[in-house]
N, C-alpha and C. Protein backbone atom coordinates (compact mmCIF):
# COMPACT_ATOMS: atom_id res chain seq x y z
N MET A 1 15.02 20.69 15.48
CA MET A 1 14.54 22.07 15.41
C MET A 1 14.22 22.45 13.97
N ILE A 2 13.27 23.37 13.77
CA ILE A 2 12.89 23.83 12.44
C ILE A 2 13.78 24.99 12.05
N SER A 3 14.34 24.93 10.84
CA SER A 3 15.19 26.01 10.38
C SER A 3 14.37 27.27 10.15
N ALA A 4 15.07 28.43 10.12
CA ALA A 4 14.37 29.69 9.93
C ALA A 4 13.66 29.73 8.59
N ARG A 5 14.28 29.15 7.56
CA ARG A 5 13.66 29.15 6.24
C ARG A 5 12.38 28.33 6.23
N LYS A 6 12.43 27.13 6.86
CA LYS A 6 11.24 26.29 6.90
C LYS A 6 10.14 26.94 7.73
N ALA A 7 10.53 27.58 8.84
CA ALA A 7 9.54 28.25 9.69
C ALA A 7 8.87 29.38 8.93
N LYS A 8 9.67 30.12 8.15
CA LYS A 8 9.11 31.22 7.37
C LYS A 8 8.14 30.70 6.32
N ALA A 9 8.52 29.59 5.67
CA ALA A 9 7.65 29.01 4.66
C ALA A 9 6.35 28.52 5.27
N PHE A 10 6.45 27.94 6.47
CA PHE A 10 5.26 27.42 7.15
C PHE A 10 4.31 28.56 7.50
N VAL A 11 4.88 29.66 8.06
CA VAL A 11 4.05 30.81 8.42
C VAL A 11 3.41 31.41 7.19
N GLY A 12 4.19 31.45 6.11
CA GLY A 12 3.64 32.01 4.87
C GLY A 12 2.47 31.19 4.36
N ASN A 13 2.60 29.87 4.44
CA ASN A 13 1.51 29.01 3.99
C ASN A 13 0.28 29.16 4.85
N GLU A 14 0.50 29.30 6.18
CA GLU A 14 -0.62 29.48 7.08
C GLU A 14 -1.34 30.78 6.80
N ALA A 15 -0.62 31.77 6.30
CA ALA A 15 -1.22 33.07 6.04
C ALA A 15 -1.88 33.13 4.68
N GLY A 16 -1.84 32.03 3.95
CA GLY A 16 -2.51 31.99 2.66
C GLY A 16 -1.58 32.19 1.49
N ALA A 17 -0.28 32.23 1.73
CA ALA A 17 0.67 32.40 0.64
C ALA A 17 0.73 31.12 -0.19
N LYS A 18 1.28 31.24 -1.39
CA LYS A 18 1.39 30.09 -2.27
C LYS A 18 2.38 29.08 -1.68
N PRO A 19 2.11 27.78 -1.85
CA PRO A 19 3.05 26.77 -1.34
C PRO A 19 4.35 26.81 -2.13
N PRO A 20 5.43 26.30 -1.56
CA PRO A 20 6.70 26.29 -2.28
C PRO A 20 6.60 25.45 -3.54
N ALA A 21 7.42 25.78 -4.52
CA ALA A 21 7.41 25.05 -5.78
C ALA A 21 7.78 23.59 -5.55
N ALA A 22 7.12 22.71 -6.29
CA ALA A 22 7.39 21.28 -6.15
C ALA A 22 8.82 20.97 -6.61
N VAL A 23 9.47 20.12 -5.86
CA VAL A 23 10.83 19.68 -6.20
C VAL A 23 10.75 18.23 -6.66
N PRO A 24 11.07 17.94 -7.91
CA PRO A 24 10.97 16.56 -8.41
C PRO A 24 11.86 15.61 -7.62
N HIS A 25 11.38 14.38 -7.47
CA HIS A 25 12.20 13.36 -6.85
C HIS A 25 13.35 12.98 -7.78
N THR A 26 14.45 12.60 -7.20
CA THR A 26 15.56 12.09 -8.01
C THR A 26 15.26 10.66 -8.41
N ARG A 27 16.02 10.15 -9.38
CA ARG A 27 15.82 8.78 -9.82
C ARG A 27 16.10 7.80 -8.68
N TRP A 28 17.12 8.08 -7.88
CA TRP A 28 17.44 7.21 -6.75
C TRP A 28 16.29 7.21 -5.74
N GLU A 29 15.69 8.35 -5.49
CA GLU A 29 14.56 8.43 -4.56
C GLU A 29 13.39 7.61 -5.08
N ASP A 30 13.15 7.64 -6.40
CA ASP A 30 12.07 6.87 -6.98
C ASP A 30 12.33 5.36 -6.84
N VAL A 31 13.57 4.95 -7.08
CA VAL A 31 13.92 3.54 -6.95
C VAL A 31 13.72 3.07 -5.51
N GLN A 32 14.23 3.88 -4.57
CA GLN A 32 14.08 3.55 -3.15
C GLN A 32 12.61 3.45 -2.77
N ALA A 33 11.80 4.36 -3.28
CA ALA A 33 10.37 4.37 -2.96
C ALA A 33 9.66 3.14 -3.53
N LEU A 34 10.01 2.75 -4.75
CA LEU A 34 9.40 1.57 -5.35
C LEU A 34 9.71 0.32 -4.53
N LEU A 35 10.96 0.21 -4.07
CA LEU A 35 11.35 -0.94 -3.27
C LEU A 35 10.64 -0.93 -1.91
N THR A 36 10.64 0.24 -1.26
CA THR A 36 10.04 0.34 0.08
C THR A 36 8.52 0.17 0.02
N GLY A 37 7.87 0.88 -0.89
CA GLY A 37 6.42 0.78 -0.99
C GLY A 37 5.97 -0.63 -1.34
N SER A 38 6.69 -1.28 -2.24
CA SER A 38 6.35 -2.65 -2.63
C SER A 38 6.55 -3.62 -1.47
N LEU A 39 7.60 -3.40 -0.68
CA LEU A 39 7.86 -4.28 0.47
C LEU A 39 6.78 -4.12 1.53
N PHE A 40 6.36 -2.88 1.80
CA PHE A 40 5.26 -2.65 2.75
C PHE A 40 4.00 -3.38 2.27
N MET A 41 3.70 -3.26 0.99
CA MET A 41 2.50 -3.87 0.45
C MET A 41 2.58 -5.39 0.52
N ALA A 42 3.73 -5.94 0.17
CA ALA A 42 3.90 -7.39 0.22
C ALA A 42 3.77 -7.92 1.64
N PHE A 43 4.34 -7.20 2.60
CA PHE A 43 4.24 -7.64 4.00
C PHE A 43 2.79 -7.60 4.47
N ALA A 44 2.05 -6.59 4.02
CA ALA A 44 0.62 -6.51 4.36
C ALA A 44 -0.13 -7.73 3.82
N ILE A 45 0.17 -8.10 2.59
CA ILE A 45 -0.49 -9.27 1.99
C ILE A 45 -0.17 -10.54 2.77
N VAL A 46 1.08 -10.67 3.19
CA VAL A 46 1.48 -11.83 3.99
C VAL A 46 0.70 -11.87 5.30
N LEU A 47 0.52 -10.71 5.95
CA LEU A 47 -0.25 -10.65 7.19
C LEU A 47 -1.70 -11.04 6.95
N PHE A 48 -2.30 -10.48 5.91
CA PHE A 48 -3.69 -10.83 5.58
C PHE A 48 -3.81 -12.34 5.35
N LYS A 49 -2.91 -12.88 4.56
CA LYS A 49 -2.97 -14.30 4.22
C LYS A 49 -2.76 -15.18 5.44
N GLN A 50 -1.82 -14.80 6.31
CA GLN A 50 -1.54 -15.58 7.50
C GLN A 50 -2.75 -15.66 8.42
N ALA A 51 -3.51 -14.58 8.49
CA ALA A 51 -4.69 -14.54 9.35
C ALA A 51 -5.94 -15.06 8.65
N GLY A 52 -5.81 -15.48 7.39
CA GLY A 52 -6.96 -15.99 6.66
C GLY A 52 -7.93 -14.91 6.24
N LEU A 53 -7.42 -13.68 6.10
CA LEU A 53 -8.26 -12.54 5.75
C LEU A 53 -8.12 -12.19 4.27
N LEU A 54 -8.95 -11.28 3.83
CA LEU A 54 -8.95 -10.82 2.45
C LEU A 54 -8.59 -9.34 2.42
N THR A 55 -8.37 -8.84 1.25
CA THR A 55 -8.18 -7.41 1.08
C THR A 55 -8.87 -7.00 -0.20
N GLY A 56 -8.85 -5.72 -0.51
CA GLY A 56 -9.60 -5.24 -1.66
C GLY A 56 -8.77 -5.11 -2.91
N GLY A 57 -9.38 -4.53 -3.94
CA GLY A 57 -8.68 -4.28 -5.19
C GLY A 57 -8.28 -5.55 -5.92
N THR A 58 -7.39 -5.38 -6.89
CA THR A 58 -6.92 -6.54 -7.64
C THR A 58 -6.11 -7.49 -6.76
N VAL A 59 -5.50 -6.95 -5.70
CA VAL A 59 -4.79 -7.81 -4.76
C VAL A 59 -5.79 -8.76 -4.09
N GLY A 60 -6.92 -8.20 -3.65
CA GLY A 60 -7.95 -9.03 -3.03
C GLY A 60 -8.50 -10.07 -3.98
N PHE A 61 -8.69 -9.68 -5.25
CA PHE A 61 -9.17 -10.63 -6.25
C PHE A 61 -8.17 -11.75 -6.44
N ALA A 62 -6.87 -11.39 -6.46
CA ALA A 62 -5.83 -12.40 -6.59
C ALA A 62 -5.81 -13.34 -5.39
N VAL A 63 -6.03 -12.80 -4.19
CA VAL A 63 -6.05 -13.61 -2.98
C VAL A 63 -7.22 -14.60 -3.02
N ILE A 64 -8.38 -14.13 -3.47
CA ILE A 64 -9.55 -15.01 -3.57
C ILE A 64 -9.27 -16.18 -4.51
N ILE A 65 -8.71 -15.87 -5.68
CA ILE A 65 -8.38 -16.94 -6.64
C ILE A 65 -7.33 -17.88 -6.06
N HIS A 66 -6.38 -17.30 -5.32
CA HIS A 66 -5.35 -18.13 -4.68
C HIS A 66 -5.98 -19.09 -3.67
N TYR A 67 -6.93 -18.61 -2.86
CA TYR A 67 -7.60 -19.48 -1.89
C TYR A 67 -8.35 -20.61 -2.59
N LEU A 68 -8.93 -20.32 -3.76
CA LEU A 68 -9.73 -21.31 -4.47
C LEU A 68 -8.88 -22.31 -5.24
N THR A 69 -7.76 -21.85 -5.79
CA THR A 69 -6.97 -22.70 -6.69
C THR A 69 -5.60 -23.09 -6.15
N ARG A 70 -5.09 -22.33 -5.16
CA ARG A 70 -3.74 -22.51 -4.63
C ARG A 70 -2.65 -22.20 -5.66
N TRP A 71 -3.02 -21.46 -6.71
CA TRP A 71 -2.01 -21.00 -7.65
C TRP A 71 -1.13 -19.96 -6.97
N PRO A 72 0.13 -19.80 -7.41
CA PRO A 72 1.03 -18.83 -6.77
C PRO A 72 0.44 -17.42 -6.75
N LEU A 73 0.41 -16.82 -5.57
CA LEU A 73 -0.22 -15.52 -5.41
C LEU A 73 0.53 -14.43 -6.19
N GLY A 74 1.86 -14.49 -6.18
CA GLY A 74 2.63 -13.49 -6.91
C GLY A 74 2.34 -13.49 -8.39
N VAL A 75 2.20 -14.67 -8.98
CA VAL A 75 1.89 -14.78 -10.41
C VAL A 75 0.49 -14.27 -10.70
N LEU A 76 -0.47 -14.64 -9.86
CA LEU A 76 -1.85 -14.16 -10.04
C LEU A 76 -1.93 -12.65 -9.99
N LEU A 77 -1.20 -12.06 -9.05
CA LEU A 77 -1.22 -10.61 -8.89
C LEU A 77 -0.72 -9.93 -10.16
N PHE A 78 0.33 -10.48 -10.75
CA PHE A 78 0.90 -9.90 -11.96
C PHE A 78 -0.07 -10.03 -13.14
N VAL A 79 -0.63 -11.23 -13.32
CA VAL A 79 -1.48 -11.49 -14.48
C VAL A 79 -2.78 -10.69 -14.42
N ILE A 80 -3.41 -10.62 -13.26
CA ILE A 80 -4.68 -9.92 -13.13
C ILE A 80 -4.54 -8.44 -13.45
N ASN A 81 -3.37 -7.87 -13.21
CA ASN A 81 -3.17 -6.45 -13.45
C ASN A 81 -2.86 -6.11 -14.90
N LEU A 82 -2.65 -7.11 -15.75
CA LEU A 82 -2.28 -6.84 -17.14
C LEU A 82 -3.24 -5.89 -17.87
N PRO A 83 -4.58 -6.08 -17.77
CA PRO A 83 -5.47 -5.15 -18.48
C PRO A 83 -5.36 -3.71 -17.97
N PHE A 84 -5.04 -3.54 -16.68
CA PHE A 84 -4.97 -2.21 -16.12
C PHE A 84 -3.72 -1.45 -16.59
N TYR A 85 -2.70 -2.19 -17.03
CA TYR A 85 -1.53 -1.51 -17.57
C TYR A 85 -1.90 -0.76 -18.85
N VAL A 86 -2.76 -1.37 -19.66
CA VAL A 86 -3.20 -0.73 -20.90
C VAL A 86 -3.98 0.55 -20.58
N PHE A 87 -4.90 0.46 -19.61
CA PHE A 87 -5.69 1.63 -19.23
C PHE A 87 -4.78 2.72 -18.65
N ALA A 88 -3.83 2.33 -17.81
CA ALA A 88 -2.93 3.30 -17.21
C ALA A 88 -2.08 3.99 -18.27
N TRP A 89 -1.63 3.25 -19.27
CA TRP A 89 -0.80 3.82 -20.35
C TRP A 89 -1.59 4.89 -21.09
N LEU A 90 -2.86 4.61 -21.38
CA LEU A 90 -3.69 5.54 -22.14
C LEU A 90 -4.16 6.73 -21.30
N ALA A 91 -4.48 6.47 -20.03
CA ALA A 91 -5.09 7.52 -19.20
C ALA A 91 -4.09 8.31 -18.37
N LEU A 92 -3.02 7.67 -17.91
CA LEU A 92 -2.11 8.32 -16.97
C LEU A 92 -0.67 8.43 -17.46
N GLY A 93 -0.38 7.88 -18.63
CA GLY A 93 0.94 8.08 -19.22
C GLY A 93 1.91 6.93 -19.08
N ARG A 94 2.98 7.03 -19.89
CA ARG A 94 3.97 5.96 -19.95
C ARG A 94 4.75 5.80 -18.65
N SER A 95 5.21 6.93 -18.09
CA SER A 95 6.04 6.87 -16.89
C SER A 95 5.29 6.21 -15.73
N PHE A 96 4.04 6.62 -15.52
CA PHE A 96 3.24 6.04 -14.45
C PHE A 96 3.04 4.54 -14.67
N THR A 97 2.79 4.14 -15.91
CA THR A 97 2.54 2.74 -16.21
C THR A 97 3.78 1.89 -15.97
N ILE A 98 4.94 2.38 -16.40
CA ILE A 98 6.19 1.63 -16.22
C ILE A 98 6.49 1.46 -14.73
N ARG A 99 6.30 2.52 -13.96
CA ARG A 99 6.56 2.44 -12.52
C ARG A 99 5.56 1.51 -11.83
N THR A 100 4.30 1.55 -12.27
CA THR A 100 3.29 0.65 -11.71
C THR A 100 3.61 -0.80 -12.04
N PHE A 101 4.03 -1.03 -13.29
CA PHE A 101 4.45 -2.37 -13.70
C PHE A 101 5.59 -2.88 -12.81
N ALA A 102 6.55 -2.00 -12.55
CA ALA A 102 7.69 -2.37 -11.69
C ALA A 102 7.22 -2.67 -10.27
N ALA A 103 6.32 -1.83 -9.73
CA ALA A 103 5.84 -2.00 -8.37
C ALA A 103 5.08 -3.32 -8.21
N VAL A 104 4.17 -3.61 -9.13
CA VAL A 104 3.38 -4.84 -9.04
C VAL A 104 4.30 -6.06 -9.17
N SER A 105 5.27 -5.97 -10.06
CA SER A 105 6.22 -7.08 -10.23
C SER A 105 7.02 -7.31 -8.96
N LEU A 106 7.47 -6.22 -8.32
CA LEU A 106 8.22 -6.34 -7.08
C LEU A 106 7.37 -6.94 -5.97
N VAL A 107 6.11 -6.50 -5.87
CA VAL A 107 5.21 -7.06 -4.85
C VAL A 107 5.03 -8.57 -5.08
N GLY A 108 4.86 -8.96 -6.34
CA GLY A 108 4.71 -10.38 -6.65
C GLY A 108 5.92 -11.18 -6.21
N ILE A 109 7.11 -10.63 -6.44
CA ILE A 109 8.35 -11.31 -6.02
C ILE A 109 8.46 -11.36 -4.50
N PHE A 110 8.19 -10.21 -3.85
CA PHE A 110 8.31 -10.14 -2.39
C PHE A 110 7.31 -11.08 -1.70
N VAL A 111 6.10 -11.16 -2.24
CA VAL A 111 5.08 -12.04 -1.64
C VAL A 111 5.54 -13.48 -1.64
N GLU A 112 6.22 -13.90 -2.69
CA GLU A 112 6.70 -15.27 -2.77
C GLU A 112 7.94 -15.49 -1.91
N CYS A 113 8.74 -14.43 -1.71
CA CYS A 113 10.00 -14.57 -0.97
C CYS A 113 9.85 -14.37 0.55
N LEU A 114 8.96 -13.50 0.97
CA LEU A 114 8.85 -13.16 2.39
C LEU A 114 8.58 -14.38 3.29
N PRO A 115 7.72 -15.32 2.89
CA PRO A 115 7.49 -16.49 3.77
C PRO A 115 8.75 -17.29 4.05
N HIS A 116 9.78 -17.13 3.23
CA HIS A 116 11.03 -17.86 3.44
C HIS A 116 11.95 -17.16 4.44
N VAL A 117 11.65 -15.88 4.73
CA VAL A 117 12.51 -15.14 5.67
C VAL A 117 11.75 -14.65 6.90
N VAL A 118 10.41 -14.71 6.85
CA VAL A 118 9.58 -14.28 7.98
C VAL A 118 8.58 -15.38 8.28
N ALA A 119 8.64 -15.93 9.47
CA ALA A 119 7.71 -16.98 9.89
C ALA A 119 6.80 -16.43 10.98
N ILE A 120 5.48 -16.43 10.74
CA ILE A 120 4.52 -15.94 11.72
C ILE A 120 3.73 -17.14 12.23
N ALA A 121 4.08 -17.57 13.43
CA ALA A 121 3.44 -18.76 13.99
C ALA A 121 2.02 -18.48 14.46
N SER A 122 1.79 -17.28 15.00
CA SER A 122 0.46 -16.94 15.52
C SER A 122 0.25 -15.43 15.43
N ILE A 123 -0.96 -15.02 15.08
CA ILE A 123 -1.26 -13.60 15.00
C ILE A 123 -2.74 -13.38 15.28
N ASN A 124 -3.04 -12.38 16.09
CA ASN A 124 -4.42 -12.04 16.39
C ASN A 124 -5.07 -11.47 15.13
N PRO A 125 -6.21 -12.00 14.70
CA PRO A 125 -6.81 -11.56 13.43
C PRO A 125 -7.23 -10.09 13.43
N VAL A 126 -7.66 -9.56 14.57
CA VAL A 126 -8.03 -8.15 14.63
C VAL A 126 -6.80 -7.27 14.43
N PHE A 127 -5.71 -7.63 15.12
CA PHE A 127 -4.46 -6.89 14.94
C PHE A 127 -3.97 -7.03 13.51
N ALA A 128 -4.08 -8.24 12.93
CA ALA A 128 -3.64 -8.46 11.56
C ALA A 128 -4.40 -7.57 10.59
N ALA A 129 -5.71 -7.46 10.80
CA ALA A 129 -6.53 -6.64 9.90
C ALA A 129 -6.10 -5.18 9.95
N ILE A 130 -5.95 -4.66 11.16
CA ILE A 130 -5.59 -3.25 11.32
C ILE A 130 -4.17 -2.98 10.85
N MET A 131 -3.22 -3.81 11.30
CA MET A 131 -1.82 -3.59 10.97
C MET A 131 -1.56 -3.79 9.48
N ALA A 132 -2.13 -4.83 8.91
CA ALA A 132 -1.95 -5.07 7.48
C ALA A 132 -2.55 -3.93 6.67
N GLY A 133 -3.71 -3.43 7.11
CA GLY A 133 -4.32 -2.30 6.42
C GLY A 133 -3.43 -1.07 6.47
N GLN A 134 -2.84 -0.82 7.64
CA GLN A 134 -1.94 0.33 7.77
C GLN A 134 -0.71 0.17 6.88
N CYS A 135 -0.11 -1.02 6.89
CA CYS A 135 1.08 -1.26 6.06
C CYS A 135 0.76 -1.11 4.57
N ALA A 136 -0.38 -1.67 4.17
CA ALA A 136 -0.78 -1.56 2.77
C ALA A 136 -1.04 -0.11 2.39
N GLY A 137 -1.71 0.63 3.27
CA GLY A 137 -1.97 2.04 3.00
C GLY A 137 -0.69 2.85 2.86
N ILE A 138 0.27 2.60 3.76
CA ILE A 138 1.56 3.28 3.69
C ILE A 138 2.28 2.93 2.40
N GLY A 139 2.27 1.64 2.06
CA GLY A 139 2.93 1.21 0.83
C GLY A 139 2.34 1.87 -0.40
N ILE A 140 1.01 1.88 -0.49
CA ILE A 140 0.34 2.49 -1.63
C ILE A 140 0.61 3.99 -1.67
N LEU A 141 0.60 4.64 -0.50
CA LEU A 141 0.85 6.07 -0.43
C LEU A 141 2.25 6.41 -0.92
N ILE A 142 3.24 5.62 -0.53
CA ILE A 142 4.62 5.84 -1.00
C ILE A 142 4.67 5.71 -2.52
N LEU A 143 4.02 4.69 -3.05
CA LEU A 143 4.03 4.48 -4.49
C LEU A 143 3.34 5.63 -5.22
N ILE A 144 2.20 6.08 -4.70
CA ILE A 144 1.47 7.18 -5.33
C ILE A 144 2.33 8.43 -5.40
N ARG A 145 3.02 8.72 -4.30
CA ARG A 145 3.82 9.95 -4.25
C ARG A 145 5.05 9.90 -5.15
N HIS A 146 5.34 8.72 -5.66
CA HIS A 146 6.47 8.60 -6.59
C HIS A 146 5.99 8.13 -7.97
N GLY A 147 4.75 8.47 -8.28
CA GLY A 147 4.24 8.23 -9.62
C GLY A 147 4.01 6.79 -9.99
N ALA A 148 3.61 5.97 -9.01
CA ALA A 148 3.33 4.55 -9.27
C ALA A 148 2.09 4.15 -8.50
N SER A 149 1.69 2.90 -8.64
CA SER A 149 0.53 2.39 -7.90
C SER A 149 0.58 0.88 -7.88
N MET A 150 -0.43 0.28 -7.26
CA MET A 150 -0.55 -1.17 -7.27
C MET A 150 -1.46 -1.64 -8.39
N GLY A 151 -1.76 -0.74 -9.33
CA GLY A 151 -2.61 -1.10 -10.44
C GLY A 151 -4.07 -1.19 -10.04
N GLY A 152 -4.87 -1.77 -10.90
CA GLY A 152 -6.26 -2.02 -10.59
C GLY A 152 -7.06 -0.80 -10.16
N LEU A 153 -7.72 -0.91 -9.01
CA LEU A 153 -8.57 0.16 -8.52
C LEU A 153 -7.80 1.43 -8.19
N THR A 154 -6.53 1.28 -7.82
CA THR A 154 -5.73 2.47 -7.53
C THR A 154 -5.56 3.32 -8.78
N VAL A 155 -5.35 2.68 -9.92
CA VAL A 155 -5.24 3.40 -11.19
C VAL A 155 -6.54 4.14 -11.47
N LEU A 156 -7.67 3.45 -11.31
CA LEU A 156 -8.97 4.08 -11.55
C LEU A 156 -9.21 5.22 -10.58
N GLY A 157 -8.87 5.01 -9.30
CA GLY A 157 -9.07 6.05 -8.29
C GLY A 157 -8.25 7.30 -8.57
N LEU A 158 -6.99 7.13 -8.96
CA LEU A 158 -6.13 8.27 -9.28
C LEU A 158 -6.65 9.01 -10.51
N TYR A 159 -7.11 8.25 -11.49
CA TYR A 159 -7.65 8.87 -12.70
C TYR A 159 -8.87 9.73 -12.37
N LEU A 160 -9.81 9.19 -11.58
CA LEU A 160 -11.02 9.92 -11.23
C LEU A 160 -10.71 11.12 -10.33
N GLN A 161 -9.68 10.99 -9.47
CA GLN A 161 -9.30 12.13 -8.63
C GLN A 161 -8.72 13.26 -9.47
N GLN A 162 -7.90 12.91 -10.44
CA GLN A 162 -7.28 13.93 -11.30
C GLN A 162 -8.28 14.56 -12.26
N ARG A 163 -9.17 13.74 -12.83
CA ARG A 163 -10.07 14.23 -13.88
C ARG A 163 -11.44 14.65 -13.38
N ARG A 164 -11.91 14.05 -12.27
CA ARG A 164 -13.27 14.33 -11.80
C ARG A 164 -13.31 14.91 -10.39
N GLY A 165 -12.16 14.99 -9.73
CA GLY A 165 -12.13 15.56 -8.39
C GLY A 165 -12.61 14.63 -7.30
N LEU A 166 -12.84 13.36 -7.63
CA LEU A 166 -13.26 12.40 -6.62
C LEU A 166 -12.05 11.95 -5.81
N ARG A 167 -12.24 11.73 -4.50
CA ARG A 167 -11.14 11.30 -3.64
C ARG A 167 -10.75 9.87 -3.97
N ALA A 168 -9.46 9.64 -4.22
CA ALA A 168 -8.98 8.31 -4.57
C ALA A 168 -9.29 7.29 -3.47
N GLY A 169 -9.19 7.73 -2.21
CA GLY A 169 -9.45 6.83 -1.10
C GLY A 169 -10.88 6.30 -1.09
N TRP A 170 -11.84 7.17 -1.42
CA TRP A 170 -13.23 6.74 -1.42
C TRP A 170 -13.52 5.81 -2.59
N VAL A 171 -12.93 6.10 -3.75
CA VAL A 171 -13.08 5.22 -4.90
C VAL A 171 -12.54 3.84 -4.58
N GLN A 172 -11.37 3.82 -3.95
CA GLN A 172 -10.74 2.56 -3.56
C GLN A 172 -11.62 1.80 -2.57
N LEU A 173 -12.20 2.52 -1.60
CA LEU A 173 -13.01 1.88 -0.58
C LEU A 173 -14.25 1.23 -1.18
N CYS A 174 -14.91 1.92 -2.11
CA CYS A 174 -16.11 1.35 -2.75
C CYS A 174 -15.77 0.08 -3.53
N GLY A 175 -14.68 0.14 -4.27
CA GLY A 175 -14.25 -1.04 -5.01
C GLY A 175 -13.86 -2.18 -4.09
N ASP A 176 -13.19 -1.84 -2.99
CA ASP A 176 -12.77 -2.85 -2.03
C ASP A 176 -13.97 -3.59 -1.44
N CYS A 177 -15.01 -2.83 -1.11
CA CYS A 177 -16.21 -3.45 -0.54
C CYS A 177 -16.84 -4.43 -1.51
N LEU A 178 -16.82 -4.09 -2.80
CA LEU A 178 -17.38 -4.99 -3.82
C LEU A 178 -16.57 -6.28 -3.91
N ILE A 179 -15.24 -6.14 -3.91
CA ILE A 179 -14.37 -7.32 -3.96
C ILE A 179 -14.58 -8.18 -2.71
N LEU A 180 -14.67 -7.53 -1.55
CA LEU A 180 -14.82 -8.28 -0.30
C LEU A 180 -16.16 -9.01 -0.24
N ALA A 181 -17.16 -8.48 -0.95
CA ALA A 181 -18.45 -9.17 -0.97
C ALA A 181 -18.31 -10.56 -1.61
N PHE A 182 -17.44 -10.65 -2.61
CA PHE A 182 -17.19 -11.96 -3.22
C PHE A 182 -16.43 -12.87 -2.27
N GLY A 183 -15.78 -12.28 -1.27
CA GLY A 183 -15.03 -13.06 -0.31
C GLY A 183 -15.90 -13.97 0.53
N MET A 184 -17.21 -13.73 0.55
CA MET A 184 -18.12 -14.58 1.31
C MET A 184 -18.07 -16.03 0.82
N PHE A 185 -17.60 -16.23 -0.43
CA PHE A 185 -17.56 -17.58 -0.99
C PHE A 185 -16.31 -18.35 -0.55
N VAL A 186 -15.31 -17.66 0.01
CA VAL A 186 -14.07 -18.35 0.37
C VAL A 186 -13.67 -18.13 1.83
N ALA A 187 -14.39 -17.29 2.56
CA ALA A 187 -14.02 -17.01 3.94
C ALA A 187 -15.27 -16.99 4.82
N THR A 188 -15.06 -17.15 6.12
CA THR A 188 -16.18 -17.12 7.06
C THR A 188 -16.69 -15.68 7.21
N PRO A 189 -17.94 -15.52 7.64
CA PRO A 189 -18.47 -14.17 7.86
C PRO A 189 -17.60 -13.34 8.80
N GLN A 190 -17.03 -13.99 9.83
CA GLN A 190 -16.18 -13.28 10.77
C GLN A 190 -14.92 -12.74 10.07
N ASN A 191 -14.31 -13.58 9.23
CA ASN A 191 -13.11 -13.15 8.53
C ASN A 191 -13.41 -12.08 7.49
N VAL A 192 -14.58 -12.16 6.88
CA VAL A 192 -14.97 -11.11 5.93
C VAL A 192 -15.15 -9.78 6.67
N ALA A 193 -15.78 -9.84 7.85
CA ALA A 193 -15.96 -8.62 8.65
C ALA A 193 -14.61 -8.02 9.05
N LEU A 194 -13.68 -8.87 9.45
CA LEU A 194 -12.34 -8.39 9.79
C LEU A 194 -11.62 -7.86 8.56
N SER A 195 -11.88 -8.46 7.41
CA SER A 195 -11.27 -7.98 6.17
C SER A 195 -11.78 -6.58 5.83
N ILE A 196 -13.05 -6.32 6.11
CA ILE A 196 -13.61 -4.98 5.90
C ILE A 196 -12.93 -3.98 6.83
N LEU A 197 -12.66 -4.42 8.07
CA LEU A 197 -11.91 -3.58 9.00
C LEU A 197 -10.53 -3.25 8.43
N GLY A 198 -9.88 -4.25 7.83
CA GLY A 198 -8.58 -4.03 7.22
C GLY A 198 -8.66 -3.05 6.06
N ALA A 199 -9.71 -3.18 5.24
CA ALA A 199 -9.89 -2.26 4.11
C ALA A 199 -10.12 -0.83 4.59
N ALA A 200 -10.89 -0.70 5.67
CA ALA A 200 -11.12 0.63 6.23
C ALA A 200 -9.82 1.22 6.77
N SER A 201 -9.00 0.39 7.41
CA SER A 201 -7.71 0.84 7.93
C SER A 201 -6.81 1.31 6.79
N LEU A 202 -6.78 0.54 5.71
CA LEU A 202 -5.97 0.89 4.54
C LEU A 202 -6.41 2.22 3.95
N ASN A 203 -7.71 2.34 3.69
CA ASN A 203 -8.20 3.52 3.00
C ASN A 203 -8.20 4.77 3.88
N ALA A 204 -8.20 4.58 5.20
CA ALA A 204 -8.06 5.73 6.08
C ALA A 204 -6.69 6.38 5.90
N VAL A 205 -5.66 5.54 5.73
CA VAL A 205 -4.31 6.08 5.50
C VAL A 205 -4.28 6.89 4.21
N ILE A 206 -4.84 6.34 3.14
CA ILE A 206 -4.81 7.03 1.86
C ILE A 206 -5.71 8.27 1.88
N GLY A 207 -6.93 8.11 2.40
CA GLY A 207 -7.88 9.21 2.40
C GLY A 207 -7.43 10.40 3.22
N ILE A 208 -6.76 10.15 4.34
CA ILE A 208 -6.31 11.24 5.21
C ILE A 208 -5.05 11.90 4.68
N ASN A 209 -4.15 11.11 4.13
CA ASN A 209 -2.83 11.63 3.77
C ASN A 209 -2.68 12.03 2.31
N HIS A 210 -3.46 11.44 1.41
CA HIS A 210 -3.30 11.77 0.00
C HIS A 210 -4.29 12.87 -0.39
N ARG A 211 -3.90 14.11 -0.10
CA ARG A 211 -4.73 15.26 -0.43
C ARG A 211 -3.88 16.29 -1.17
N GLU A 212 -4.48 16.87 -2.18
CA GLU A 212 -3.77 17.87 -2.97
C GLU A 212 -3.38 19.06 -2.10
N GLY A 213 -2.15 19.50 -2.22
CA GLY A 213 -1.69 20.66 -1.47
C GLY A 213 -1.00 20.31 -0.17
N ARG A 214 -1.03 19.03 0.23
CA ARG A 214 -0.39 18.64 1.49
C ARG A 214 0.98 18.03 1.28
N TYR A 215 1.33 17.83 0.03
CA TYR A 215 2.64 17.22 -0.26
C TYR A 215 3.19 17.89 -1.49
N TYR A 216 4.42 18.33 -1.45
CA TYR A 216 4.96 19.15 -2.53
C TYR A 216 5.96 18.43 -3.40
N GLY A 217 6.33 17.17 -3.07
CA GLY A 217 7.20 16.41 -3.95
C GLY A 217 6.44 15.89 -5.13
N THR A 218 7.15 15.58 -6.21
CA THR A 218 6.48 15.03 -7.39
C THR A 218 7.20 13.79 -7.85
């Protein structure tokens, strides 16, 4: 049931009143969010990889290089994001950069560890595309709401949303499509098409849920 105070706040917001003041997350909440968001993202990558699919952003770029070279995916993910840490530090601040660094590092560790605790013998590629996209979107959304990201295009998308009013989800989607275009060199046309479905699933989560005024935590 909704408490009287929450109901009053809801009615007030519907009537055009100012939203309640933002309540900062505690340090423990931020730690929990970094762990949870990174785990969701890592599991999504495992699903994409198991189905032979691609994803967008720097994660997708790392996956492409992994398919071509068989270098460890977790290490590639960390190294590719190094230039974006510099941009994030200058454009979005120290706190955001440190949390993003932590999130990307955790995803890299989880990606290498998950195959040792989760074995997926068979998975429908259509389901993998949709489910992995949803998991990745949820993971990224959790990280964003706690002042972190997966680096790369997410950093650029957040910067443009804050400074230019562009929706982060649409920026991410455009970049994802560009990365997936390069996927034609390492995947079949069918898998690339399914990868685009996964990218759309991911960005639908971010585009629908990450809107100013719909979330009051910081």
